[in-house]
Amino acid sequence: MADPQAQQNPENDREMQKAISRMYKQAQQEQQIKALMRQILDAQAYERMMNIKASNSELYMQLAQVMISLVQSRQVNGLINEQQFLSILRKVMPRHEPKVEFKHK
């Protein structure tokens, strides 16, 4: 009897290679974004940004895109400080409006 793991399907190998390639590209992109955040944020803002990354990666990516576009469009001069960061964060954060329901008797 042949070992089933020894007989790997070439199609599975290609899929595995594609997955590895995607993961590698994603890791490279994340490293580039992190390096850029290090360049455009002061120490406190960078620390907050990394805390956001640890807790909410979607929000982190959204914030990173906003920060990059602000710097590219020259709307921010110098490093983004913590106050500016918080202001941008408030604009990006989704707001949950309270729902008011009226129940008629």
PDB file of N, CA and C in Angstrom:
ATOM      1  N   MET A   1       0.822  -1.184   0.000  1.00  0.00           N
ATOM      2  CA  MET A   1       0.000   0.000   0.000  1.00  0.00           C
ATOM      3  C   MET A   1       0.864   1.244   0.000  1.00  0.00           C
ATOM      4  N   ALA A   2       0.439   2.203  -0.771  1.00  0.00           N
ATOM      5  CA  ALA A   2       1.169   3.465  -0.844  1.00  0.00           C
ATOM      6  C   ALA A   2       0.655   4.422   0.222  1.00  0.00           C
ATOM      7  N   ASP A   3       1.552   5.225   0.695  1.00  0.00           N
ATOM      8  CA  ASP A   3       1.201   6.233   1.700  1.00  0.00           C
ATOM      9  C   ASP A   3       0.386   7.339   1.020  1.00  0.00           C
ATOM     10  N   PRO A   4      -0.842   7.661   1.512  1.00  0.00           N
ATOM     11  CA  PRO A   4      -1.668   8.678   0.852  1.00  0.00           C
ATOM     12  C   PRO A   4      -1.022  10.051   0.850  1.00  0.00           C
ATOM     13  N   GLN A   5      -0.208  10.350   1.843  1.00  0.00           N
ATOM     14  CA  GLN A   5       0.445  11.665   1.872  1.00  0.00           C
ATOM     15  C   GLN A   5       1.566  11.745   0.848  1.00  0.00           C
ATOM     16  N   ALA A   6       2.142  10.610   0.502  1.00  0.00           N
ATOM     17  CA  ALA A   6       3.220  10.600  -0.479  1.00  0.00           C
ATOM     18  C   ALA A   6       2.687  10.881  -1.884  1.00  0.00           C
ATOM     19  N   GLN A   7       1.424  10.546  -2.138  1.00  0.00           N
ATOM     20  CA  GLN A   7       0.820  10.778  -3.438  1.00  0.00           C
ATOM     21  C   GLN A   7       0.033  12.084  -3.415  1.00  0.00           C
ATOM     22  N   GLN A   8       0.755  13.190  -3.468  1.00  0.00           N
ATOM     23  CA  GLN A   8       0.080  14.483  -3.438  1.00  0.00           C
ATOM     24  C   GLN A   8      -0.400  14.851  -4.836  1.00  0.00           C
ATOM     25  N   ASN A   9      -1.531  15.476  -4.856  1.00  0.00           N
ATOM     26  CA  ASN A   9      -2.131  15.928  -6.094  1.00  0.00           C
ATOM     27  C   ASN A   9      -1.404  17.198  -6.553  1.00  0.00           C
ATOM     28  N   PRO A  10      -0.952  17.250  -7.821  1.00  0.00           N
ATOM     29  CA  PRO A  10      -0.267  18.455  -8.311  1.00  0.00           C
ATOM     30  C   PRO A  10      -1.139  19.708  -8.209  1.00  0.00           C
ATOM     31  N   GLU A  11      -2.441  19.540  -8.355  1.00  0.00           N
ATOM     32  CA  GLU A  11      -3.345  20.687  -8.244  1.00  0.00           C
ATOM     33  C   GLU A  11      -3.336  21.242  -6.817  1.00  0.00           C
ATOM     34  N   ASN A  12      -3.300  20.348  -5.829  1.00  0.00           N
ATOM     35  CA  ASN A  12      -3.213  20.782  -4.435  1.00  0.00           C
ATOM     36  C   ASN A  12      -1.907  21.512  -4.165  1.00  0.00           C
ATOM     37  N   ASP A  13      -0.821  21.030  -4.806  1.00  0.00           N
ATOM     38  CA  ASP A  13       0.474  21.695  -4.664  1.00  0.00           C
ATOM     39  C   ASP A  13       0.414  23.121  -5.209  1.00  0.00           C
ATOM     40  N   ARG A  14      -0.232  23.292  -6.359  1.00  0.00           N
ATOM     41  CA  ARG A  14      -0.358  24.633  -6.954  1.00  0.00           C
ATOM     42  C   ARG A  14      -1.183  25.547  -6.056  1.00  0.00           C
ATOM     43  N   GLU A  15      -2.268  25.010  -5.527  1.00  0.00           N
ATOM     44  CA  GLU A  15      -3.113  25.807  -4.624  1.00  0.00           C
ATOM     45  C   GLU A  15      -2.337  26.206  -3.374  1.00  0.00           C
ATOM     46  N   MET A  16      -1.542  25.282  -2.854  1.00  0.00           N
ATOM     47  CA  MET A  16      -0.739  25.562  -1.681  1.00  0.00           C
ATOM     48  C   MET A  16       0.297  26.646  -1.991  1.00  0.00           C
ATOM     49  N   GLN A  17       0.926  26.558  -3.147  1.00  0.00           N
ATOM     50  CA  GLN A  17       1.908  27.567  -3.544  1.00  0.00           C
ATOM     51  C   GLN A  17       1.257  28.937  -3.700  1.00  0.00           C
ATOM     52  N   LYS A  18       0.056  28.966  -4.282  1.00  0.00           N
ATOM     53  CA  LYS A  18      -0.671  30.233  -4.434  1.00  0.00           C
ATOM     54  C   LYS A  18      -1.009  30.820  -3.070  1.00  0.00           C
ATOM     55  N   ALA A  19      -1.449  29.976  -2.155  1.00  0.00           N
ATOM     56  CA  ALA A  19      -1.797  30.449  -0.812  1.00  0.00           C
ATOM     57  C   ALA A  19      -0.568  31.002  -0.095  1.00  0.00           C
ATOM     58  N   ILE A  20       0.542  30.298  -0.224  1.00  0.00           N
ATOM     59  CA  ILE A  20       1.785  30.761   0.396  1.00  0.00           C
ATOM     60  C   ILE A  20       2.212  32.085  -0.218  1.00  0.00           C
ATOM     61  N   SER A  21       2.091  32.196  -1.517  1.00  0.00           N
ATOM     62  CA  SER A  21       2.461  33.428  -2.208  1.00  0.00           C
ATOM     63  C   SER A  21       1.588  34.592  -1.752  1.00  0.00           C
ATOM     64  N   ARG A  22       0.273  34.359  -1.612  1.00  0.00           N
ATOM     65  CA  ARG A  22      -0.631  35.420  -1.141  1.00  0.00           C
ATOM     66  C   ARG A  22      -0.269  35.847   0.271  1.00  0.00           C
ATOM     67  N   MET A  23       0.011  34.870   1.121  1.00  0.00           N
ATOM     68  CA  MET A  23       0.363  35.178   2.498  1.00  0.00           C
ATOM     69  C   MET A  23       1.670  35.973   2.564  1.00  0.00           C
ATOM     70  N   TYR A  24       2.626  35.606   1.735  1.00  0.00           N
ATOM     71  CA  TYR A  24       3.907  36.313   1.696  1.00  0.00           C
ATOM     72  C   TYR A  24       3.721  37.753   1.232  1.00  0.00           C
ATOM     73  N   LYS A  25       2.930  37.947   0.180  1.00  0.00           N
ATOM     74  CA  LYS A  25       2.664  39.301  -0.324  1.00  0.00           C
ATOM     75  C   LYS A  25       1.936  40.134   0.714  1.00  0.00           C
ATOM     76  N   GLN A  26       0.973  39.524   1.408  1.00  0.00           N
ATOM     77  CA  GLN A  26       0.227  40.234   2.445  1.00  0.00           C
ATOM     78  C   GLN A  26       1.162  40.638   3.584  1.00  0.00           C
ATOM     79  N   ALA A  27       2.056  39.752   3.973  1.00  0.00           N
ATOM     80  CA  ALA A  27       3.009  40.062   5.044  1.00  0.00           C
ATOM     81  C   ALA A  27       3.940  41.194   4.623  1.00  0.00           C
ATOM     82  N   GLN A  28       4.376  41.180   3.363  1.00  0.00           N
ATOM     83  CA  GLN A  28       5.225  42.260   2.859  1.00  0.00           C
ATOM     84  C   GLN A  28       4.478  43.586   2.885  1.00  0.00           C
ATOM     85  N   GLN A  29       3.224  43.574   2.453  1.00  0.00           N
ATOM     86  CA  GLN A  29       2.419  44.786   2.427  1.00  0.00           C
ATOM     87  C   GLN A  29       2.220  45.324   3.844  1.00  0.00           C
ATOM     88  N   GLU A  30       1.946  44.432   4.793  1.00  0.00           N
ATOM     89  CA  GLU A  30       1.766  44.854   6.180  1.00  0.00           C
ATOM     90  C   GLU A  30       3.046  45.468   6.735  1.00  0.00           C
ATOM     91  N   GLN A  31       4.202  44.892   6.374  1.00  0.00           N
ATOM     92  CA  GLN A  31       5.476  45.442   6.833  1.00  0.00           C
ATOM     93  C   GLN A  31       5.720  46.828   6.243  1.00  0.00           C
ATOM     94  N   GLN A  32       5.354  47.019   4.978  1.00  0.00           N
ATOM     95  CA  GLN A  32       5.511  48.323   4.342  1.00  0.00           C
ATOM     96  C   GLN A  32       4.622  49.360   5.007  1.00  0.00           C
ATOM     97  N   ILE A  33       3.380  48.991   5.291  1.00  0.00           N
ATOM     98  CA  ILE A  33       2.450  49.908   5.946  1.00  0.00           C
ATOM     99  C   ILE A  33       2.953  50.255   7.341  1.00  0.00           C
ATOM    100  N   LYS A  34       3.425  49.255   8.065  1.00  0.00           N
ATOM    101  CA  LYS A  34       3.937  49.480   9.418  1.00  0.00           C
ATOM    102  C   LYS A  34       5.142  50.427   9.389  1.00  0.00           C
ATOM    103  N   ALA A  35       6.036  50.225   8.429  1.00  0.00           N
ATOM    104  CA  ALA A  35       7.211  51.097   8.294  1.00  0.00           C
ATOM    105  C   ALA A  35       6.780  52.527   7.961  1.00  0.00           C
ATOM    106  N   LEU A  36       5.802  52.653   7.098  1.00  0.00           N
ATOM    107  CA  LEU A  36       5.301  53.982   6.740  1.00  0.00           C
ATOM    108  C   LEU A  36       4.634  54.659   7.937  1.00  0.00           C
ATOM    109  N   MET A  37       3.857  53.889   8.719  1.00  0.00           N
ATOM    110  CA  MET A  37       3.227  54.450   9.916  1.00  0.00           C
ATOM    111  C   MET A  37       4.294  54.942  10.895  1.00  0.00           C
ATOM    112  N   ARG A  38       5.403  54.215  10.986  1.00  0.00           N
ATOM    113  CA  ARG A  38       6.506  54.601  11.859  1.00  0.00           C
ATOM    114  C   ARG A  38       7.087  55.955  11.419  1.00  0.00           C
ATOM    115  N   GLN A  39       7.068  56.220  10.109  1.00  0.00           N
ATOM    116  CA  GLN A  39       7.619  57.459   9.567  1.00  0.00           C
ATOM    117  C   GLN A  39       6.680  58.647   9.723  1.00  0.00           C
ATOM    118  N   ILE A  40       5.362  58.414   9.693  1.00  0.00           N
ATOM    119  CA  ILE A  40       4.428  59.551   9.675  1.00  0.00           C
ATOM    120  C   ILE A  40       3.739  59.812  11.004  1.00  0.00           C
ATOM    121  N   LEU A  41       3.868  58.888  11.979  1.00  0.00           N
ATOM    122  CA  LEU A  41       3.225  59.068  13.278  1.00  0.00           C
ATOM    123  C   LEU A  41       4.281  59.310  14.353  1.00  0.00           C
ATOM    124  N   ASP A  42       3.952  60.167  15.328  1.00  0.00           N
ATOM    125  CA  ASP A  42       4.868  60.298  16.457  1.00  0.00           C
ATOM    126  C   ASP A  42       4.733  59.059  17.347  1.00  0.00           C
ATOM    127  N   ALA A  43       5.549  58.972  18.392  1.00  0.00           N
ATOM    128  CA  ALA A  43       5.626  57.750  19.201  1.00  0.00           C
ATOM    129  C   ALA A  43       4.286  57.368  19.831  1.00  0.00           C
ATOM    130  N   GLN A  44       3.575  58.345  20.402  1.00  0.00           N
ATOM    131  CA  GLN A  44       2.298  58.041  21.060  1.00  0.00           C
ATOM    132  C   GLN A  44       1.231  57.624  20.044  1.00  0.00           C
ATOM    133  N   ALA A  45       1.185  58.319  18.926  1.00  0.00           N
ATOM    134  CA  ALA A  45       0.201  57.976  17.893  1.00  0.00           C
ATOM    135  C   ALA A  45       0.511  56.601  17.305  1.00  0.00           C
ATOM    136  N   TYR A  46       1.796  56.311  17.123  1.00  0.00           N
ATOM    137  CA  TYR A  46       2.186  54.996  16.592  1.00  0.00           C
ATOM    138  C   TYR A  46       1.784  53.888  17.566  1.00  0.00           C
ATOM    139  N   GLU A  47       1.989  54.130  18.850  1.00  0.00           N
ATOM    140  CA  GLU A  47       1.614  53.133  19.852  1.00  0.00           C
ATOM    141  C   GLU A  47       0.110  52.883  19.817  1.00  0.00           C
ATOM    142  N   ARG A  48      -0.690  53.941  19.710  1.00  0.00           N
ATOM    143  CA  ARG A  48      -2.141  53.775  19.601  1.00  0.00           C
ATOM    144  C   ARG A  48      -2.503  52.990  18.340  1.00  0.00           C
ATOM    145  N   MET A  49      -1.818  53.306  17.258  1.00  0.00           N
ATOM    146  CA  MET A  49      -2.097  52.626  15.992  1.00  0.00           C
ATOM    147  C   MET A  49      -1.808  51.126  16.110  1.00  0.00           C
ATOM    148  N   MET A  50      -0.727  50.774  16.770  1.00  0.00           N
ATOM    149  CA  MET A  50      -0.395  49.358  16.935  1.00  0.00           C
ATOM    150  C   MET A  50      -1.382  48.664  17.874  1.00  0.00           C
ATOM    151  N   ASN A  51      -1.904  49.382  18.854  1.00  0.00           N
ATOM    152  CA  ASN A  51      -2.945  48.813  19.719  1.00  0.00           C
ATOM    153  C   ASN A  51      -4.208  48.527  18.911  1.00  0.00           C
ATOM    154  N   ILE A  52      -4.537  49.435  18.011  1.00  0.00           N
ATOM    155  CA  ILE A  52      -5.704  49.236  17.148  1.00  0.00           C
ATOM    156  C   ILE A  52      -5.475  48.032  16.238  1.00  0.00           C
ATOM    157  N   LYS A  53      -4.253  47.916  15.717  1.00  0.00           N
ATOM    158  CA  LYS A  53      -3.935  46.782  14.848  1.00  0.00           C
ATOM    159  C   LYS A  53      -4.135  45.467  15.582  1.00  0.00           C
ATOM    160  N   ALA A  54      -3.730  45.426  16.844  1.00  0.00           N
ATOM    161  CA  ALA A  54      -3.849  44.197  17.629  1.00  0.00           C
ATOM    162  C   ALA A  54      -5.306  43.840  17.909  1.00  0.00           C
ATOM    163  N   SER A  55      -6.151  44.865  18.042  1.00  0.00           N
ATOM    164  CA  SER A  55      -7.534  44.588  18.427  1.00  0.00           C
ATOM    165  C   SER A  55      -8.524  44.575  17.259  1.00  0.00           C
ATOM    166  N   ASN A  56      -8.221  45.312  16.183  1.00  0.00           N
ATOM    167  CA  ASN A  56      -9.173  45.429  15.083  1.00  0.00           C
ATOM    168  C   ASN A  56      -8.406  45.686  13.781  1.00  0.00           C
ATOM    169  N   SER A  57      -8.035  44.627  13.085  1.00  0.00           N
ATOM    170  CA  SER A  57      -7.202  44.773  11.895  1.00  0.00           C
ATOM    171  C   SER A  57      -7.909  45.522  10.760  1.00  0.00           C
ATOM    172  N   GLU A  58      -9.232  45.389  10.672  1.00  0.00           N
ATOM    173  CA  GLU A  58      -9.971  46.126   9.631  1.00  0.00           C
ATOM    174  C   GLU A  58      -9.868  47.628   9.861  1.00  0.00           C
ATOM    175  N   LEU A  59     -10.085  48.049  11.087  1.00  0.00           N
ATOM    176  CA  LEU A  59      -9.984  49.474  11.415  1.00  0.00           C
ATOM    177  C   LEU A  59      -8.563  49.967  11.194  1.00  0.00           C
ATOM    178  N   TYR A  60      -7.582  49.138  11.542  1.00  0.00           N
ATOM    179  CA  TYR A  60      -6.179  49.487  11.335  1.00  0.00           C
ATOM    180  C   TYR A  60      -5.910  49.766   9.860  1.00  0.00           C
ATOM    181  N   MET A  61      -6.357  48.867   8.986  1.00  0.00           N
ATOM    182  CA  MET A  61      -6.125  49.057   7.550  1.00  0.00           C
ATOM    183  C   MET A  61      -6.843  50.299   7.039  1.00  0.00           C
ATOM    184  N   GLN A  62      -8.045  50.526   7.525  1.00  0.00           N
ATOM    185  CA  GLN A  62      -8.805  51.707   7.118  1.00  0.00           C
ATOM    186  C   GLN A  62      -8.079  52.979   7.562  1.00  0.00           C
ATOM    187  N   LEU A  63      -7.617  53.000   8.802  1.00  0.00           N
ATOM    188  CA  LEU A  63      -6.876  54.154   9.311  1.00  0.00           C
ATOM    189  C   LEU A  63      -5.576  54.360   8.546  1.00  0.00           C
ATOM    190  N   ALA A  64      -4.878  53.276   8.260  1.00  0.00           N
ATOM    191  CA  ALA A  64      -3.620  53.371   7.525  1.00  0.00           C
ATOM    192  C   ALA A  64      -3.854  54.004   6.160  1.00  0.00           C
ATOM    193  N   GLN A  65      -4.913  53.588   5.468  1.00  0.00           N
ATOM    194  CA  GLN A  65      -5.208  54.171   4.157  1.00  0.00           C
ATOM    195  C   GLN A  65      -5.512  55.661   4.261  1.00  0.00           C
ATOM    196  N   VAL A  66      -6.257  56.049   5.299  1.00  0.00           N
ATOM    197  CA  VAL A  66      -6.576  57.463   5.499  1.00  0.00           C
ATOM    198  C   VAL A  66      -5.301  58.250   5.770  1.00  0.00           C
ATOM    199  N   MET A  67      -4.456  57.730   6.656  1.00  0.00           N
ATOM    200  CA  MET A  67      -3.202  58.414   7.003  1.00  0.00           C
ATOM    201  C   MET A  67      -2.316  58.578   5.773  1.00  0.00           C
ATOM    202  N   ILE A  68      -2.198  57.520   4.988  1.00  0.00           N
ATOM    203  CA  ILE A  68      -1.364  57.564   3.786  1.00  0.00           C
ATOM    204  C   ILE A  68      -1.907  58.589   2.804  1.00  0.00           C
ATOM    205  N   SER A  69      -3.217  58.613   2.615  1.00  0.00           N
ATOM    206  CA  SER A  69      -3.789  59.584   1.669  1.00  0.00           C
ATOM    207  C   SER A  69      -3.616  61.020   2.175  1.00  0.00           C
ATOM    208  N   LEU A  70      -3.710  61.239   3.481  1.00  0.00           N
ATOM    209  CA  LEU A  70      -3.491  62.575   4.034  1.00  0.00           C
ATOM    210  C   LEU A  70      -2.066  63.045   3.792  1.00  0.00           C
ATOM    211  N   VAL A  71      -1.127  62.154   3.973  1.00  0.00           N
ATOM    212  CA  VAL A  71       0.277  62.516   3.764  1.00  0.00           C
ATOM    213  C   VAL A  71       0.552  62.740   2.280  1.00  0.00           C
ATOM    214  N   GLN A  72       0.019  61.868   1.428  1.00  0.00           N
ATOM    215  CA  GLN A  72       0.247  62.009  -0.011  1.00  0.00           C
ATOM    216  C   GLN A  72      -0.364  63.286  -0.566  1.00  0.00           C
ATOM    217  N   SER A  73      -1.512  63.693  -0.017  1.00  0.00           N
ATOM    218  CA  SER A  73      -2.165  64.906  -0.501  1.00  0.00           C
ATOM    219  C   SER A  73      -1.643  66.152   0.224  1.00  0.00           C
ATOM    220  N   ARG A  74      -0.641  65.950   1.062  1.00  0.00           N
ATOM    221  CA  ARG A  74       0.016  67.034   1.805  1.00  0.00           C
ATOM    222  C   ARG A  74      -0.944  67.820   2.692  1.00  0.00           C
ATOM    223  N   GLN A  75      -1.958  67.134   3.222  1.00  0.00           N
ATOM    224  CA  GLN A  75      -2.882  67.778   4.147  1.00  0.00           C
ATOM    225  C   GLN A  75      -2.345  67.762   5.566  1.00  0.00           C
ATOM    226  N   VAL A  76      -1.268  67.004   5.781  1.00  0.00           N
ATOM    227  CA  VAL A  76      -0.633  66.926   7.092  1.00  0.00           C
ATOM    228  C   VAL A  76       0.831  67.281   6.912  1.00  0.00           C
ATOM    229  N   ASN A  77       1.296  68.206   7.748  1.00  0.00           N
ATOM    230  CA  ASN A  77       2.710  68.585   7.702  1.00  0.00           C
ATOM    231  C   ASN A  77       3.432  67.962   8.883  1.00  0.00           C
ATOM    232  N   GLY A  78       4.559  67.337   8.617  1.00  0.00           N
ATOM    233  CA  GLY A  78       5.333  66.726   9.688  1.00  0.00           C
ATOM    234  C   GLY A  78       4.688  65.457  10.195  1.00  0.00           C
ATOM    235  N   LEU A  79       5.088  65.082  11.420  1.00  0.00           N
ATOM    236  CA  LEU A  79       4.534  63.880  12.031  1.00  0.00           C
ATOM    237  C   LEU A  79       3.114  64.121  12.520  1.00  0.00           C
ATOM    238  N   ILE A  80       2.308  63.093  12.442  1.00  0.00           N
ATOM    239  CA  ILE A  80       0.953  63.165  12.985  1.00  0.00           C
ATOM    240  C   ILE A  80       1.067  62.884  14.476  1.00  0.00           C
ATOM    241  N   ASN A  81       0.625  63.858  15.287  1.00  0.00           N
ATOM    242  CA  ASN A  81       0.712  63.665  16.737  1.00  0.00           C
ATOM    243  C   ASN A  81      -0.526  62.944  17.252  1.00  0.00           C
ATOM    244  N   GLU A  82      -0.534  62.693  18.544  1.00  0.00           N
ATOM    245  CA  GLU A  82      -1.615  61.913  19.136  1.00  0.00           C
ATOM    246  C   GLU A  82      -2.967  62.613  19.005  1.00  0.00           C
ATOM    247  N   GLN A  83      -3.000  63.933  19.178  1.00  0.00           N
ATOM    248  CA  GLN A  83      -4.270  64.672  19.060  1.00  0.00           C
ATOM    249  C   GLN A  83      -4.814  64.594  17.638  1.00  0.00           C
ATOM    250  N   GLN A  84      -3.947  64.783  16.645  1.00  0.00           N
ATOM    251  CA  GLN A  84      -4.380  64.668  15.255  1.00  0.00           C
ATOM    252  C   GLN A  84      -4.861  63.245  14.964  1.00  0.00           C
ATOM    253  N   PHE A  85      -4.133  62.267  15.492  1.00  0.00           N
ATOM    254  CA  PHE A  85      -4.499  60.867  15.298  1.00  0.00           C
ATOM    255  C   PHE A  85      -5.889  60.594  15.854  1.00  0.00           C
ATOM    256  N   LEU A  86      -6.138  61.078  17.074  1.00  0.00           N
ATOM    257  CA  LEU A  86      -7.451  60.854  17.695  1.00  0.00           C
ATOM    258  C   LEU A  86      -8.563  61.531  16.892  1.00  0.00           C
ATOM    259  N   SER A  87      -8.270  62.710  16.362  1.00  0.00           N
ATOM    260  CA  SER A  87      -9.253  63.412  15.537  1.00  0.00           C
ATOM    261  C   SER A  87      -9.583  62.598  14.280  1.00  0.00           C
ATOM    262  N   ILE A  88      -8.563  62.059  13.641  1.00  0.00           N
ATOM    263  CA  ILE A  88      -8.766  61.232  12.448  1.00  0.00           C
ATOM    264  C   ILE A  88      -9.517  59.960  12.827  1.00  0.00           C
ATOM    265  N   LEU A  89      -9.158  59.370  13.953  1.00  0.00           N
ATOM    266  CA  LEU A  89      -9.809  58.144  14.413  1.00  0.00           C
ATOM    267  C   LEU A  89     -11.300  58.373  14.638  1.00  0.00           C
ATOM    268  N   ARG A  90     -11.660  59.495  15.238  1.00  0.00           N
ATOM    269  CA  ARG A  90     -13.078  59.798  15.462  1.00  0.00           C
ATOM    270  C   ARG A  90     -13.850  59.910  14.153  1.00  0.00           C
ATOM    271  N   LYS A  91     -13.201  60.443  13.134  1.00  0.00           N
ATOM    272  CA  LYS A  91     -13.864  60.579  11.834  1.00  0.00           C
ATOM    273  C   LYS A  91     -14.030  59.229  11.136  1.00  0.00           C
ATOM    274  N   VAL A  92     -13.099  58.331  11.367  1.00  0.00           N
ATOM    275  CA  VAL A  92     -13.117  57.030  10.696  1.00  0.00           C
ATOM    276  C   VAL A  92     -13.999  56.023  11.413  1.00  0.00           C
ATOM    277  N   MET A  93     -14.043  56.115  12.746  1.00  0.00           N
ATOM    278  CA  MET A  93     -14.810  55.148  13.545  1.00  0.00           C
ATOM    279  C   MET A  93     -16.279  55.184  13.156  1.00  0.00           C
ATOM    280  N   PRO A  94     -16.869  54.017  12.981  1.00  0.00           N
ATOM    281  CA  PRO A  94     -18.306  53.989  12.688  1.00  0.00           C
ATOM    282  C   PRO A  94     -19.096  54.447  13.909  1.00  0.00           C
ATOM    283  N   ARG A  95     -20.076  55.234  13.652  1.00  0.00           N
ATOM    284  CA  ARG A  95     -20.921  55.723  14.747  1.00  0.00           C
ATOM    285  C   ARG A  95     -22.164  54.867  14.830  1.00  0.00           C
ATOM    286  N   HIS A  96     -22.460  54.457  16.021  1.00  0.00           N
ATOM    287  CA  HIS A  96     -23.663  53.679  16.249  1.00  0.00           C
ATOM    288  C   HIS A  96     -24.700  54.616  16.859  1.00  0.00           C
ATOM    289  N   GLU A  97     -25.622  54.988  16.019  1.00  0.00           N
ATOM    290  CA  GLU A  97     -26.689  55.870  16.488  1.00  0.00           C
ATOM    291  C   GLU A  97     -27.674  55.064  17.321  1.00  0.00           C
ATOM    292  N   PRO A  98     -28.033  55.596  18.456  1.00  0.00           N
ATOM    293  CA  PRO A  98     -29.022  54.863  19.258  1.00  0.00           C
ATOM    294  C   PRO A  98     -30.371  54.846  18.541  1.00  0.00           C
ATOM    295  N   LYS A  99     -31.015  53.712  18.621  1.00  0.00           N
ATOM    296  CA  LYS A  99     -32.327  53.587  18.005  1.00  0.00           C
ATOM    297  C   LYS A  99     -33.388  53.869  19.060  1.00  0.00           C
ATOM    298  N   VAL A 100     -34.330  54.685  18.668  1.00  0.00           N
ATOM    299  CA  VAL A 100     -35.431  55.001  19.565  1.00  0.00           C
ATOM    300  C   VAL A 100     -36.685  54.362  18.990  1.00  0.00           C
ATOM    301  N   GLU A 101     -37.299  53.534  19.775  1.00  0.00           N
ATOM    302  CA  GLU A 101     -38.521  52.888  19.334  1.00  0.00           C
ATOM    303  C   GLU A 101     -39.680  53.372  20.194  1.00  0.00           C
ATOM    304  N   PHE A 102     -40.763  53.668  19.532  1.00  0.00           N
ATOM    305  CA  PHE A 102     -41.979  54.049  20.238  1.00  0.00           C
ATOM    306  C   PHE A 102     -42.970  52.900  20.152  1.00  0.00           C
ATOM    307  N   LYS A 103     -43.418  52.476  21.272  1.00  0.00           N
ATOM    308  CA  LYS A 103     -44.405  51.397  21.280  1.00  0.00           C
ATOM    309  C   LYS A 103     -45.760  52.008  21.628  1.00  0.00           C
ATOM    310  N   HIS A 104     -46.675  51.782  20.735  1.00  0.00           N
ATOM    311  CA  HIS A 104     -48.028  52.293  20.956  1.00  0.00           C
ATOM    312  C   HIS A 104     -48.848  51.255  21.705  1.00  0.00           C
ATOM    313  N   LYS A 105     -49.628  51.739  22.622  1.00  0.00           N
ATOM    314  CA  LYS A 105     -50.467  50.828  23.397  1.00  0.00           C
ATOM    315  C   LYS A 105     -51.824  50.691  22.788  1.00  0.00           C
TER     316      LYS A 105
END
